[in-house]
Structure formats: structure tokens, C-alpha cells
Amino acid sequence: MQDGCTVNLTVRYIARKWTLLILLELYKGGDHTRRFSELKSCLTGITQKVLSARLKELVKEGLVTKRVDDSTFPAKSEYTLTESGLEIIEVIKGMKRWSLKWKIANIECGCQDCSQCVL
């Protein structure tokens, strides 16, 4: 596969550990928005450094927007899925449908709507 291949380029940032789970957590937030601290508490095991790095990548790729509220101390950062980010949620839902159809070991998951999933 060539370096410039669209699939190759997309996989480079989407397949990184935590990326899809971050997108899914944003999807589950009201208005598809979550504060950094909310994401950190929802994603058990992720470090602050990795979460920050992944969010920067997602903002750079246009899947997420960042808004900083500096009227409080400390400043609060909110992240929201863009239209592009919402579209990739459909890819995640497709992966879920595929794994449920082919009975990939996932006993706890029977919810078809990822926005209702409590992981």
C-alpha cells in the first residue's frame, strides 16, 4: 500500500489507541460535546497526556472542534464532534453491527444504538 493512499492516511490517525472510543464518548455527550475532564473520567485507563494528544489530532483532522471557556479558573475545554466526526460514528456503528452479526465475543453489548451504550 502506498503512503499516499487515502485508506492508509486515514488509518494512521483513526486506528490509534483510544481514538474511536474518544469519538464515541463525544457522540454520547449532550449536543455531542464533552469537557476534557468528562472524557478523562469516562475513558478508564487513558492518561491525560494521551487524551490530550488524541484530541489535538482529532481537532487537526477536522473530526472535533475545541472551545475554551477561560472565564473560569482553571479554564475549561469543551470538545464537540463536527459533521465529519458525526459521519465517522456511522462507521463505528457499522463495526458494531458487523461484530454482533458475526458473534464476535462481546457478551455485555446488545445495544444497537451507540448513543445509549454505557460501555
PDB file of N, CA and C in Angstrom:
ATOM      1  N   MET A   1       0.841  -1.170   0.000  1.00  0.00           N
ATOM      2  CA  MET A   1       0.000   0.000   0.000  1.00  0.00           C
ATOM      3  C   MET A   1       0.893   1.242   0.000  1.00  0.00           C
ATOM      4  N   GLN A   2       0.560   2.194  -0.822  1.00  0.00           N
ATOM      5  CA  GLN A   2       1.359   3.410  -0.936  1.00  0.00           C
ATOM      6  C   GLN A   2       1.093   4.351   0.239  1.00  0.00           C
ATOM      7  N   ASP A   3       2.103   5.133   0.611  1.00  0.00           N
ATOM      8  CA  ASP A   3       1.975   6.070   1.721  1.00  0.00           C
ATOM      9  C   ASP A   3       0.854   7.078   1.510  1.00  0.00           C
ATOM     10  N   GLY A   4       0.635   7.489   0.272  1.00  0.00           N
ATOM     11  CA  GLY A   4      -0.368   8.494  -0.025  1.00  0.00           C
ATOM     12  C   GLY A   4      -1.775   7.965  -0.174  1.00  0.00           C
ATOM     13  N   CYS A   5      -1.959   6.650  -0.025  1.00  0.00           N
ATOM     14  CA  CYS A   5      -3.278   6.035  -0.155  1.00  0.00           C
ATOM     15  C   CYS A   5      -4.232   6.619   0.898  1.00  0.00           C
ATOM     16  N   THR A   6      -5.443   6.969   0.482  1.00  0.00           N
ATOM     17  CA  THR A   6      -6.434   7.550   1.386  1.00  0.00           C
ATOM     18  C   THR A   6      -6.711   6.649   2.587  1.00  0.00           C
ATOM     19  N   VAL A   7      -6.851   5.352   2.354  1.00  0.00           N
ATOM     20  CA  VAL A   7      -7.106   4.419   3.455  1.00  0.00           C
ATOM     21  C   VAL A   7      -5.917   4.411   4.405  1.00  0.00           C
ATOM     22  N   ASN A   8      -4.730   4.349   3.876  1.00  0.00           N
ATOM     23  CA  ASN A   8      -3.522   4.343   4.698  1.00  0.00           C
ATOM     24  C   ASN A   8      -3.439   5.610   5.553  1.00  0.00           C
ATOM     25  N   LEU A   9      -3.684   6.750   4.958  1.00  0.00           N
ATOM     26  CA  LEU A   9      -3.616   8.017   5.688  1.00  0.00           C
ATOM     27  C   LEU A   9      -4.687   8.091   6.780  1.00  0.00           C
ATOM     28  N   THR A  10      -5.880   7.628   6.474  1.00  0.00           N
ATOM     29  CA  THR A  10      -6.970   7.657   7.449  1.00  0.00           C
ATOM     30  C   THR A  10      -6.697   6.712   8.611  1.00  0.00           C
ATOM     31  N   VAL A  11      -6.224   5.524   8.297  1.00  0.00           N
ATOM     32  CA  VAL A  11      -5.947   4.531   9.337  1.00  0.00           C
ATOM     33  C   VAL A  11      -4.862   5.023  10.294  1.00  0.00           C
ATOM     34  N   ARG A  12      -3.934   5.818   9.799  1.00  0.00           N
ATOM     35  CA  ARG A  12      -2.846   6.319  10.648  1.00  0.00           C
ATOM     36  C   ARG A  12      -3.355   7.052  11.877  1.00  0.00           C
ATOM     37  N   TYR A  13      -4.429   7.807  11.759  1.00  0.00           N
ATOM     38  CA  TYR A  13      -4.903   8.502  12.956  1.00  0.00           C
ATOM     39  C   TYR A  13      -6.150   7.871  13.563  1.00  0.00           C
ATOM     40  N   ILE A  14      -6.986   7.223  12.787  1.00  0.00           N
ATOM     41  CA  ILE A  14      -8.198   6.618  13.340  1.00  0.00           C
ATOM     42  C   ILE A  14      -7.891   5.353  14.131  1.00  0.00           C
ATOM     43  N   ALA A  15      -6.910   4.596  13.695  1.00  0.00           N
ATOM     44  CA  ALA A  15      -6.621   3.311  14.349  1.00  0.00           C
ATOM     45  C   ALA A  15      -5.755   3.450  15.595  1.00  0.00           C
ATOM     46  N   ARG A  16      -5.332   4.649  15.911  1.00  0.00           N
ATOM     47  CA  ARG A  16      -4.517   4.830  17.116  1.00  0.00           C
ATOM     48  C   ARG A  16      -5.353   4.514  18.346  1.00  0.00           C
ATOM     49  N   LYS A  17      -4.708   3.927  19.331  1.00  0.00           N
ATOM     50  CA  LYS A  17      -5.401   3.524  20.553  1.00  0.00           C
ATOM     51  C   LYS A  17      -6.164   4.707  21.148  1.00  0.00           C
ATOM     52  N   TRP A  18      -7.393   4.475  21.542  1.00  0.00           N
ATOM     53  CA  TRP A  18      -8.304   5.407  22.191  1.00  0.00           C
ATOM     54  C   TRP A  18      -9.088   6.297  21.226  1.00  0.00           C
ATOM     55  N   THR A  19      -8.647   6.461  19.995  1.00  0.00           N
ATOM     56  CA  THR A  19      -9.272   7.432  19.111  1.00  0.00           C
ATOM     57  C   THR A  19     -10.756   7.156  18.887  1.00  0.00           C
ATOM     58  N   LEU A  20     -11.114   5.948  18.520  1.00  0.00           N
ATOM     59  CA  LEU A  20     -12.519   5.635  18.267  1.00  0.00           C
ATOM     60  C   LEU A  20     -13.354   5.725  19.541  1.00  0.00           C
ATOM     61  N   LEU A  21     -12.770   5.352  20.666  1.00  0.00           N
ATOM     62  CA  LEU A  21     -13.507   5.442  21.934  1.00  0.00           C
ATOM     63  C   LEU A  21     -13.740   6.893  22.336  1.00  0.00           C
ATOM     64  N   ILE A  22     -12.787   7.769  22.061  1.00  0.00           N
ATOM     65  CA  ILE A  22     -12.971   9.199  22.324  1.00  0.00           C
ATOM     66  C   ILE A  22     -14.120   9.728  21.470  1.00  0.00           C
ATOM     67  N   LEU A  23     -14.123   9.382  20.197  1.00  0.00           N
ATOM     68  CA  LEU A  23     -15.203   9.814  19.305  1.00  0.00           C
ATOM     69  C   LEU A  23     -16.554   9.318  19.802  1.00  0.00           C
ATOM     70  N   LEU A  24     -16.602   8.072  20.234  1.00  0.00           N
ATOM     71  CA  LEU A  24     -17.853   7.505  20.735  1.00  0.00           C
ATOM     72  C   LEU A  24     -18.313   8.215  21.999  1.00  0.00           C
ATOM     73  N   GLU A  25     -17.401   8.545  22.895  1.00  0.00           N
ATOM     74  CA  GLU A  25     -17.771   9.270  24.116  1.00  0.00           C
ATOM     75  C   GLU A  25     -18.284  10.672  23.787  1.00  0.00           C
ATOM     76  N   LEU A  26     -17.689  11.318  22.804  1.00  0.00           N
ATOM     77  CA  LEU A  26     -18.195  12.628  22.386  1.00  0.00           C
ATOM     78  C   LEU A  26     -19.606  12.493  21.820  1.00  0.00           C
ATOM     79  N   TYR A  27     -19.842  11.445  21.074  1.00  0.00           N
ATOM     80  CA  TYR A  27     -21.161  11.190  20.492  1.00  0.00           C
ATOM     81  C   TYR A  27     -22.218  11.036  21.581  1.00  0.00           C
ATOM     82  N   LYS A  28     -21.843  10.424  22.676  1.00  0.00           N
ATOM     83  CA  LYS A  28     -22.773  10.175  23.770  1.00  0.00           C
ATOM     84  C   LYS A  28     -23.038  11.417  24.613  1.00  0.00           C
ATOM     85  N   GLY A  29     -22.234  12.452  24.475  1.00  0.00           N
ATOM     86  CA  GLY A  29     -22.415  13.685  25.236  1.00  0.00           C
ATOM     87  C   GLY A  29     -23.580  14.504  24.701  1.00  0.00           C
ATOM     88  N   GLY A  30     -24.164  15.351  25.559  1.00  0.00           N
ATOM     89  CA  GLY A  30     -25.225  16.251  25.113  1.00  0.00           C
ATOM     90  C   GLY A  30     -24.697  17.137  24.003  1.00  0.00           C
ATOM     91  N   ASP A  31     -25.447  17.259  22.915  1.00  0.00           N
ATOM     92  CA  ASP A  31     -25.003  18.009  21.731  1.00  0.00           C
ATOM     93  C   ASP A  31     -23.675  17.495  21.187  1.00  0.00           C
ATOM     94  N   HIS A  32     -23.354  16.258  21.495  1.00  0.00           N
ATOM     95  CA  HIS A  32     -22.103  15.621  21.046  1.00  0.00           C
ATOM     96  C   HIS A  32     -20.879  16.393  21.541  1.00  0.00           C
ATOM     97  N   THR A  33     -21.006  16.902  22.765  1.00  0.00           N
ATOM     98  CA  THR A  33     -19.960  17.720  23.382  1.00  0.00           C
ATOM     99  C   THR A  33     -19.627  17.165  24.759  1.00  0.00           C
ATOM    100  N   ARG A  34     -18.343  17.195  25.080  1.00  0.00           N
ATOM    101  CA  ARG A  34     -17.889  16.814  26.423  1.00  0.00           C
ATOM    102  C   ARG A  34     -16.711  17.691  26.809  1.00  0.00           C
ATOM    103  N   ARG A  35     -16.591  17.937  28.110  1.00  0.00           N
ATOM    104  CA  ARG A  35     -15.409  18.622  28.623  1.00  0.00           C
ATOM    105  C   ARG A  35     -14.276  17.608  28.731  1.00  0.00           C
ATOM    106  N   PHE A  36     -13.055  18.106  28.736  1.00  0.00           N
ATOM    107  CA  PHE A  36     -11.873  17.255  28.850  1.00  0.00           C
ATOM    108  C   PHE A  36     -11.993  16.350  30.070  1.00  0.00           C
ATOM    109  N   SER A  37     -12.388  16.932  31.209  1.00  0.00           N
ATOM    110  CA  SER A  37     -12.479  16.150  32.457  1.00  0.00           C
ATOM    111  C   SER A  37     -13.532  15.055  32.362  1.00  0.00           C
ATOM    112  N   GLU A  38     -14.620  15.304  31.638  1.00  0.00           N
ATOM    113  CA  GLU A  38     -15.653  14.284  31.450  1.00  0.00           C
ATOM    114  C   GLU A  38     -15.107  13.129  30.618  1.00  0.00           C
ATOM    115  N   LEU A  39     -14.406  13.467  29.554  1.00  0.00           N
ATOM    116  CA  LEU A  39     -13.810  12.421  28.715  1.00  0.00           C
ATOM    117  C   LEU A  39     -12.830  11.587  29.535  1.00  0.00           C
ATOM    118  N   LYS A  40     -12.005  12.256  30.321  1.00  0.00           N
ATOM    119  CA  LYS A  40     -10.999  11.561  31.133  1.00  0.00           C
ATOM    120  C   LYS A  40     -11.668  10.577  32.084  1.00  0.00           C
ATOM    121  N   SER A  41     -12.766  10.987  32.715  1.00  0.00           N
ATOM    122  CA  SER A  41     -13.431  10.097  33.676  1.00  0.00           C
ATOM    123  C   SER A  41     -14.182   8.953  32.994  1.00  0.00           C
ATOM    124  N   CYS A  42     -14.628   9.147  31.756  1.00  0.00           N
ATOM    125  CA  CYS A  42     -15.358   8.095  31.024  1.00  0.00           C
ATOM    126  C   CYS A  42     -14.421   7.039  30.440  1.00  0.00           C
ATOM    127  N   LEU A  43     -13.196   7.423  30.165  1.00  0.00           N
ATOM    128  CA  LEU A  43     -12.256   6.533  29.482  1.00  0.00           C
ATOM    129  C   LEU A  43     -11.255   5.971  30.494  1.00  0.00           C
ATOM    130  N   THR A  44     -11.690   4.977  31.220  1.00  0.00           N
ATOM    131  CA  THR A  44     -10.870   4.364  32.256  1.00  0.00           C
ATOM    132  C   THR A  44      -9.568   3.836  31.679  1.00  0.00           C
ATOM    133  N   GLY A  45      -8.463   4.303  32.256  1.00  0.00           N
ATOM    134  CA  GLY A  45      -7.157   3.816  31.838  1.00  0.00           C
ATOM    135  C   GLY A  45      -6.394   4.753  30.927  1.00  0.00           C
ATOM    136  N   ILE A  46      -7.073   5.742  30.348  1.00  0.00           N
ATOM    137  CA  ILE A  46      -6.372   6.676  29.474  1.00  0.00           C
ATOM    138  C   ILE A  46      -5.625   7.701  30.331  1.00  0.00           C
ATOM    139  N   THR A  47      -4.439   8.058  29.909  1.00  0.00           N
ATOM    140  CA  THR A  47      -3.692   9.079  30.638  1.00  0.00           C
ATOM    141  C   THR A  47      -4.081  10.460  30.096  1.00  0.00           C
ATOM    142  N   GLN A  48      -3.857  11.479  30.904  1.00  0.00           N
ATOM    143  CA  GLN A  48      -4.148  12.836  30.490  1.00  0.00           C
ATOM    144  C   GLN A  48      -3.336  13.210  29.250  1.00  0.00           C
ATOM    145  N   LYS A  49      -2.098  12.769  29.217  1.00  0.00           N
ATOM    146  CA  LYS A  49      -1.202  13.072  28.099  1.00  0.00           C
ATOM    147  C   LYS A  49      -1.729  12.464  26.794  1.00  0.00           C
ATOM    148  N   VAL A  50      -2.152  11.200  26.843  1.00  0.00           N
ATOM    149  CA  VAL A  50      -2.660  10.526  25.641  1.00  0.00           C
ATOM    150  C   VAL A  50      -3.982  11.150  25.202  1.00  0.00           C
ATOM    151  N   LEU A  51      -4.874  11.429  26.151  1.00  0.00           N
ATOM    152  CA  LEU A  51      -6.154  12.051  25.805  1.00  0.00           C
ATOM    153  C   LEU A  51      -5.919  13.402  25.128  1.00  0.00           C
ATOM    154  N   SER A  52      -5.033  14.187  25.690  1.00  0.00           N
ATOM    155  CA  SER A  52      -4.714  15.491  25.115  1.00  0.00           C
ATOM    156  C   SER A  52      -4.153  15.349  23.696  1.00  0.00           C
ATOM    157  N   ALA A  53      -3.238  14.410  23.506  1.00  0.00           N
ATOM    158  CA  ALA A  53      -2.632  14.191  22.187  1.00  0.00           C
ATOM    159  C   ALA A  53      -3.669  13.739  21.173  1.00  0.00           C
ATOM    160  N   ARG A  54      -4.538  12.803  21.557  1.00  0.00           N
ATOM    161  CA  ARG A  54      -5.551  12.301  20.624  1.00  0.00           C
ATOM    162  C   ARG A  54      -6.538  13.404  20.251  1.00  0.00           C
ATOM    163  N   LEU A  55      -6.947  14.200  21.240  1.00  0.00           N
ATOM    164  CA  LEU A  55      -7.876  15.288  20.949  1.00  0.00           C
ATOM    165  C   LEU A  55      -7.253  16.307  19.998  1.00  0.00           C
ATOM    166  N   LYS A  56      -5.972  16.610  20.178  1.00  0.00           N
ATOM    167  CA  LYS A  56      -5.283  17.532  19.265  1.00  0.00           C
ATOM    168  C   LYS A  56      -5.290  16.974  17.845  1.00  0.00           C
ATOM    169  N   GLU A  57      -5.053  15.667  17.717  1.00  0.00           N
ATOM    170  CA  GLU A  57      -5.066  15.029  16.400  1.00  0.00           C
ATOM    171  C   GLU A  57      -6.458  15.111  15.770  1.00  0.00           C
ATOM    172  N   LEU A  58      -7.491  14.852  16.575  1.00  0.00           N
ATOM    173  CA  LEU A  58      -8.858  14.869  16.063  1.00  0.00           C
ATOM    174  C   LEU A  58      -9.284  16.275  15.646  1.00  0.00           C
ATOM    175  N   VAL A  59      -8.827  17.286  16.381  1.00  0.00           N
ATOM    176  CA  VAL A  59      -9.097  18.671  16.001  1.00  0.00           C
ATOM    177  C   VAL A  59      -8.377  18.989  14.692  1.00  0.00           C
ATOM    178  N   LYS A  60      -7.117  18.587  14.600  1.00  0.00           N
ATOM    179  CA  LYS A  60      -6.322  18.838  13.386  1.00  0.00           C
ATOM    180  C   LYS A  60      -6.963  18.190  12.160  1.00  0.00           C
ATOM    181  N   GLU A  61      -7.513  16.999  12.326  1.00  0.00           N
ATOM    182  CA  GLU A  61      -8.135  16.272  11.216  1.00  0.00           C
ATOM    183  C   GLU A  61      -9.553  16.742  10.915  1.00  0.00           C
ATOM    184  N   GLY A  62     -10.094  17.636  11.752  1.00  0.00           N
ATOM    185  CA  GLY A  62     -11.417  18.194  11.500  1.00  0.00           C
ATOM    186  C   GLY A  62     -12.581  17.342  11.971  1.00  0.00           C
ATOM    187  N   LEU A  63     -12.310  16.343  12.806  1.00  0.00           N
ATOM    188  CA  LEU A  63     -13.386  15.499  13.326  1.00  0.00           C
ATOM    189  C   LEU A  63     -13.998  16.089  14.596  1.00  0.00           C
ATOM    190  N   VAL A  64     -13.255  16.971  15.243  1.00  0.00           N
ATOM    191  CA  VAL A  64     -13.660  17.541  16.526  1.00  0.00           C
ATOM    192  C   VAL A  64     -13.290  19.026  16.525  1.00  0.00           C
ATOM    193  N   THR A  65     -14.114  19.829  17.195  1.00  0.00           N
ATOM    194  CA  THR A  65     -13.750  21.220  17.433  1.00  0.00           C
ATOM    195  C   THR A  65     -13.495  21.408  18.925  1.00  0.00           C
ATOM    196  N   LYS A  66     -12.683  22.390  19.247  1.00  0.00           N
ATOM    197  CA  LYS A  66     -12.345  22.688  20.642  1.00  0.00           C
ATOM    198  C   LYS A  66     -12.794  24.108  20.955  1.00  0.00           C
ATOM    199  N   ARG A  67     -13.423  24.246  22.116  1.00  0.00           N
ATOM    200  CA  ARG A  67     -13.812  25.564  22.612  1.00  0.00           C
ATOM    201  C   ARG A  67     -13.273  25.703  24.023  1.00  0.00           C
ATOM    202  N   VAL A  68     -12.591  26.805  24.284  1.00  0.00           N
ATOM    203  CA  VAL A  68     -12.023  27.044  25.608  1.00  0.00           C
ATOM    204  C   VAL A  68     -12.817  28.145  26.286  1.00  0.00           C
ATOM    205  N   ASP A  69     -13.315  27.835  27.495  1.00  0.00           N
ATOM    206  CA  ASP A  69     -14.006  28.823  28.319  1.00  0.00           C
ATOM    207  C   ASP A  69     -13.014  29.309  29.358  1.00  0.00           C
ATOM    208  N   ASP A  70     -12.433  30.477  29.110  1.00  0.00           N
ATOM    209  CA  ASP A  70     -11.436  30.989  30.037  1.00  0.00           C
ATOM    210  C   ASP A  70     -12.016  32.013  31.010  1.00  0.00           C
ATOM    211  N   SER A  71     -13.349  32.021  31.110  1.00  0.00           N
ATOM    212  CA  SER A  71     -13.986  32.913  32.075  1.00  0.00           C
ATOM    213  C   SER A  71     -13.928  32.334  33.486  1.00  0.00           C
ATOM    214  N   THR A  72     -13.513  31.090  33.595  1.00  0.00           N
ATOM    215  CA  THR A  72     -13.363  30.441  34.898  1.00  0.00           C
ATOM    216  C   THR A  72     -11.902  30.058  35.083  1.00  0.00           C
ATOM    217  N   PHE A  73     -11.571  29.776  36.332  1.00  0.00           N
ATOM    218  CA  PHE A  73     -10.224  29.264  36.607  1.00  0.00           C
ATOM    219  C   PHE A  73     -10.363  27.952  37.340  1.00  0.00           C
ATOM    220  N   PRO A  74      -9.740  26.890  36.863  1.00  0.00           N
ATOM    221  CA  PRO A  74      -8.989  26.832  35.609  1.00  0.00           C
ATOM    222  C   PRO A  74      -9.923  26.881  34.402  1.00  0.00           C
ATOM    223  N   ALA A  75      -9.374  27.247  33.267  1.00  0.00           N
ATOM    224  CA  ALA A  75     -10.146  27.304  32.020  1.00  0.00           C
ATOM    225  C   ALA A  75     -10.677  25.912  31.696  1.00  0.00           C
ATOM    226  N   LYS A  76     -11.856  25.868  31.093  1.00  0.00           N
ATOM    227  CA  LYS A  76     -12.473  24.585  30.745  1.00  0.00           C
ATOM    228  C   LYS A  76     -12.493  24.430  29.229  1.00  0.00           C
ATOM    229  N   SER A  77     -12.056  23.267  28.786  1.00  0.00           N
ATOM    230  CA  SER A  77     -12.057  22.961  27.360  1.00  0.00           C
ATOM    231  C   SER A  77     -13.213  22.025  27.048  1.00  0.00           C
ATOM    232  N   GLU A  78     -13.964  22.367  26.005  1.00  0.00           N
ATOM    233  CA  GLU A  78     -15.044  21.517  25.527  1.00  0.00           C
ATOM    234  C   GLU A  78     -14.731  21.065  24.115  1.00  0.00           C
ATOM    235  N   TYR A  79     -15.044  19.826  23.842  1.00  0.00           N
ATOM    236  CA  TYR A  79     -14.801  19.232  22.534  1.00  0.00           C
ATOM    237  C   TYR A  79     -16.129  18.767  21.959  1.00  0.00           C
ATOM    238  N   THR A  80     -16.337  19.050  20.681  1.00  0.00           N
ATOM    239  CA  THR A  80     -17.596  18.727  20.013  1.00  0.00           C
ATOM    240  C   THR A  80     -17.303  18.040  18.686  1.00  0.00           C
ATOM    241  N   LEU A  81     -18.101  17.022  18.375  1.00  0.00           N
ATOM    242  CA  LEU A  81     -17.974  16.366  17.070  1.00  0.00           C
ATOM    243  C   LEU A  81     -18.401  17.322  15.969  1.00  0.00           C
ATOM    244  N   THR A  82     -17.660  17.336  14.893  1.00  0.00           N
ATOM    245  CA  THR A  82     -18.027  18.095  13.696  1.00  0.00           C
ATOM    246  C   THR A  82     -18.938  17.218  12.843  1.00  0.00           C
ATOM    247  N   GLU A  83     -19.386  17.750  11.728  1.00  0.00           N
ATOM    248  CA  GLU A  83     -20.188  16.948  10.794  1.00  0.00           C
ATOM    249  C   GLU A  83     -19.399  15.721  10.346  1.00  0.00           C
ATOM    250  N   SER A  84     -18.116  15.928  10.093  1.00  0.00           N
ATOM    251  CA  SER A  84     -17.239  14.826   9.702  1.00  0.00           C
ATOM    252  C   SER A  84     -17.128  13.790  10.828  1.00  0.00           C
ATOM    253  N   GLY A  85     -17.013  14.279  12.059  1.00  0.00           N
ATOM    254  CA  GLY A  85     -16.939  13.383  13.221  1.00  0.00           C
ATOM    255  C   GLY A  85     -18.213  12.576  13.399  1.00  0.00           C
ATOM    256  N   LEU A  86     -19.357  13.234  13.163  1.00  0.00           N
ATOM    257  CA  LEU A  86     -20.637  12.520  13.262  1.00  0.00           C
ATOM    258  C   LEU A  86     -20.743  11.434  12.198  1.00  0.00           C
ATOM    259  N   GLU A  87     -20.189  11.700  11.022  1.00  0.00           N
ATOM    260  CA  GLU A  87     -20.231  10.686   9.960  1.00  0.00           C
ATOM    261  C   GLU A  87     -19.407   9.457  10.316  1.00  0.00           C
ATOM    262  N   ILE A  88     -18.278   9.667  10.981  1.00  0.00           N
ATOM    263  CA  ILE A  88     -17.448   8.503  11.319  1.00  0.00           C
ATOM    264  C   ILE A  88     -18.107   7.648  12.404  1.00  0.00           C
ATOM    265  N   ILE A  89     -19.026   8.242  13.158  1.00  0.00           N
ATOM    266  CA  ILE A  89     -19.794   7.457  14.136  1.00  0.00           C
ATOM    267  C   ILE A  89     -20.574   6.366  13.406  1.00  0.00           C
ATOM    268  N   GLU A  90     -21.043   6.666  12.203  1.00  0.00           N
ATOM    269  CA  GLU A  90     -21.761   5.652  11.429  1.00  0.00           C
ATOM    270  C   GLU A  90     -20.838   4.482  11.084  1.00  0.00           C
ATOM    271  N   VAL A  91     -19.558   4.759  10.870  1.00  0.00           N
ATOM    272  CA  VAL A  91     -18.577   3.693  10.626  1.00  0.00           C
ATOM    273  C   VAL A  91     -18.427   2.845  11.890  1.00  0.00           C
ATOM    274  N   ILE A  92     -18.365   3.497  13.041  1.00  0.00           N
ATOM    275  CA  ILE A  92     -18.248   2.775  14.315  1.00  0.00           C
ATOM    276  C   ILE A  92     -19.485   1.910  14.543  1.00  0.00           C
ATOM    277  N   LYS A  93     -20.664   2.471  14.263  1.00  0.00           N
ATOM    278  CA  LYS A  93     -21.901   1.692  14.401  1.00  0.00           C
ATOM    279  C   LYS A  93     -21.889   0.498  13.446  1.00  0.00           C
ATOM    280  N   GLY A  94     -21.363   0.692  12.243  1.00  0.00           N
ATOM    281  CA  GLY A  94     -21.246  -0.410  11.285  1.00  0.00           C
ATOM    282  C   GLY A  94     -20.330  -1.497  11.797  1.00  0.00           C
ATOM    283  N   MET A  95     -19.242  -1.112  12.437  1.00  0.00           N
ATOM    284  CA  MET A  95     -18.330  -2.098  13.028  1.00  0.00           C
ATOM    285  C   MET A  95     -19.052  -2.884  14.119  1.00  0.00           C
ATOM    286  N   LYS A  96     -19.875  -2.193  14.895  1.00  0.00           N
ATOM    287  CA  LYS A  96     -20.625  -2.847  15.965  1.00  0.00           C
ATOM    288  C   LYS A  96     -21.640  -3.845  15.379  1.00  0.00           C
ATOM    289  N   ARG A  97     -22.375  -3.405  14.351  1.00  0.00           N
ATOM    290  CA  ARG A  97     -23.336  -4.314  13.710  1.00  0.00           C
ATOM    291  C   ARG A  97     -22.641  -5.546  13.160  1.00  0.00           C
ATOM    292  N   TRP A  98     -21.475  -5.345  12.538  1.00  0.00           N
ATOM    293  CA  TRP A  98     -20.710  -6.462  11.983  1.00  0.00           C
ATOM    294  C   TRP A  98     -20.311  -7.432  13.085  1.00  0.00           C
ATOM    295  N   SER A  99     -19.792  -6.911  14.193  1.00  0.00           N
ATOM    296  CA  SER A  99     -19.327  -7.812  15.254  1.00  0.00           C
ATOM    297  C   SER A  99     -20.491  -8.545  15.915  1.00  0.00           C
ATOM    298  N   LEU A 100     -21.647  -7.877  16.051  1.00  0.00           N
ATOM    299  CA  LEU A 100     -22.812  -8.563  16.616  1.00  0.00           C
ATOM    300  C   LEU A 100     -23.329  -9.626  15.653  1.00  0.00           C
ATOM    301  N   LYS A 101     -23.327  -9.330  14.364  1.00  0.00           N
ATOM    302  CA  LYS A 101     -23.798 -10.295  13.359  1.00  0.00           C
ATOM    303  C   LYS A 101     -22.927 -11.540  13.343  1.00  0.00           C
ATOM    304  N   TRP A 102     -21.622 -11.354  13.439  1.00  0.00           N
ATOM    305  CA  TRP A 102     -20.706 -12.476  13.346  1.00  0.00           C
ATOM    306  C   TRP A 102     -20.312 -13.022  14.703  1.00  0.00           C
ATOM    307  N   LYS A 103     -21.044 -12.586  15.716  1.00  0.00           N
ATOM    308  CA  LYS A 103     -20.898 -13.127  17.068  1.00  0.00           C
ATOM    309  C   LYS A 103     -19.481 -13.010  17.623  1.00  0.00           C
ATOM    310  N   ILE A 104     -18.863 -11.880  17.357  1.00  0.00           N
ATOM    311  CA  ILE A 104     -17.572 -11.610  17.964  1.00  0.00           C
ATOM    312  C   ILE A 104     -17.821 -11.507  19.464  1.00  0.00           C
ATOM    313  N   ALA A 105     -16.985 -12.140  20.277  1.00  0.00           N
ATOM    314  CA  ALA A 105     -17.192 -12.193  21.728  1.00  0.00           C
ATOM    315  C   ALA A 105     -17.407 -10.797  22.298  1.00  0.00           C
ATOM    316  N   ASN A 106     -18.640 -10.525  22.677  1.00  0.00           N
ATOM    317  CA  ASN A 106     -18.999  -9.233  23.246  1.00  0.00           C
ATOM    318  C   ASN A 106     -20.292  -9.422  24.019  1.00  0.00           C
ATOM    319  N   ILE A 107     -20.239 -10.231  25.029  1.00  0.00           N
ATOM    320  CA  ILE A 107     -21.424 -10.653  25.766  1.00  0.00           C
ATOM    321  C   ILE A 107     -22.192  -9.474  26.360  1.00  0.00           C
ATOM    322  N   GLU A 108     -21.486  -8.461  26.855  1.00  0.00           N
ATOM    323  CA  GLU A 108     -22.153  -7.365  27.538  1.00  0.00           C
ATOM    324  C   GLU A 108     -22.882  -6.418  26.590  1.00  0.00           C
ATOM    325  N   CYS A 109     -22.573  -6.437  25.325  1.00  0.00           N
ATOM    326  CA  CYS A 109     -23.130  -5.457  24.397  1.00  0.00           C
ATOM    327  C   CYS A 109     -24.263  -6.058  23.572  1.00  0.00           C
ATOM    328  N   GLY A 110     -25.425  -5.503  23.738  1.00  0.00           N
ATOM    329  CA  GLY A 110     -26.535  -5.894  22.905  1.00  0.00           C
ATOM    330  C   GLY A 110     -27.268  -4.676  22.391  1.00  0.00           C
ATOM    331  N   CYS A 111     -26.766  -3.509  22.743  1.00  0.00           N
ATOM    332  CA  CYS A 111     -27.398  -2.249  22.378  1.00  0.00           C
ATOM    333  C   CYS A 111     -26.983  -1.834  20.972  1.00  0.00           C
ATOM    334  N   GLN A 112     -27.932  -1.660  20.091  1.00  0.00           N
ATOM    335  CA  GLN A 112     -27.627  -1.274  18.714  1.00  0.00           C
ATOM    336  C   GLN A 112     -27.330   0.218  18.585  1.00  0.00           C
ATOM    337  N   ASP A 113     -27.843   1.034  19.506  1.00  0.00           N
ATOM    338  CA  ASP A 113     -27.652   2.481  19.432  1.00  0.00           C
ATOM    339  C   ASP A 113     -26.489   2.885  20.327  1.00  0.00           C
ATOM    340  N   CYS A 114     -25.366   3.237  19.716  1.00  0.00           N
ATOM    341  CA  CYS A 114     -24.153   3.567  20.472  1.00  0.00           C
ATOM    342  C   CYS A 114     -24.337   4.762  21.404  1.00  0.00           C
ATOM    343  N   SER A 115     -25.309   5.645  21.109  1.00  0.00           N
ATOM    344  CA  SER A 115     -25.506   6.794  21.977  1.00  0.00           C
ATOM    345  C   SER A 115     -26.099   6.374  23.314  1.00  0.00           C
ATOM    346  N   GLN A 116     -26.692   5.193  23.373  1.00  0.00           N
ATOM    347  CA  GLN A 116     -27.272   4.680  24.608  1.00  0.00           C
ATOM    348  C   GLN A 116     -26.350   3.704  25.336  1.00  0.00           C
ATOM    349  N   CYS A 117     -25.252   3.368  24.707  1.00  0.00           N
ATOM    350  CA  CYS A 117     -24.309   2.390  25.248  1.00  0.00           C
ATOM    351  C   CYS A 117     -23.623   2.930  26.498  1.00  0.00           C
ATOM    352  N   VAL A 118     -23.520   2.121  27.518  1.00  0.00           N
ATOM    353  CA  VAL A 118     -22.846   2.554  28.738  1.00  0.00           C
ATOM    354  C   VAL A 118     -21.456   1.943  28.856  1.00  0.00           C
ATOM    355  N   LEU A 119     -21.017   1.217  27.852  1.00  0.00           N
ATOM    356  CA  LEU A 119     -19.699   0.592  27.829  1.00  0.00           C
ATOM    357  C   LEU A 119     -19.351   0.097  29.196  1.00  0.00           C
TER     358      LEU A 119
END
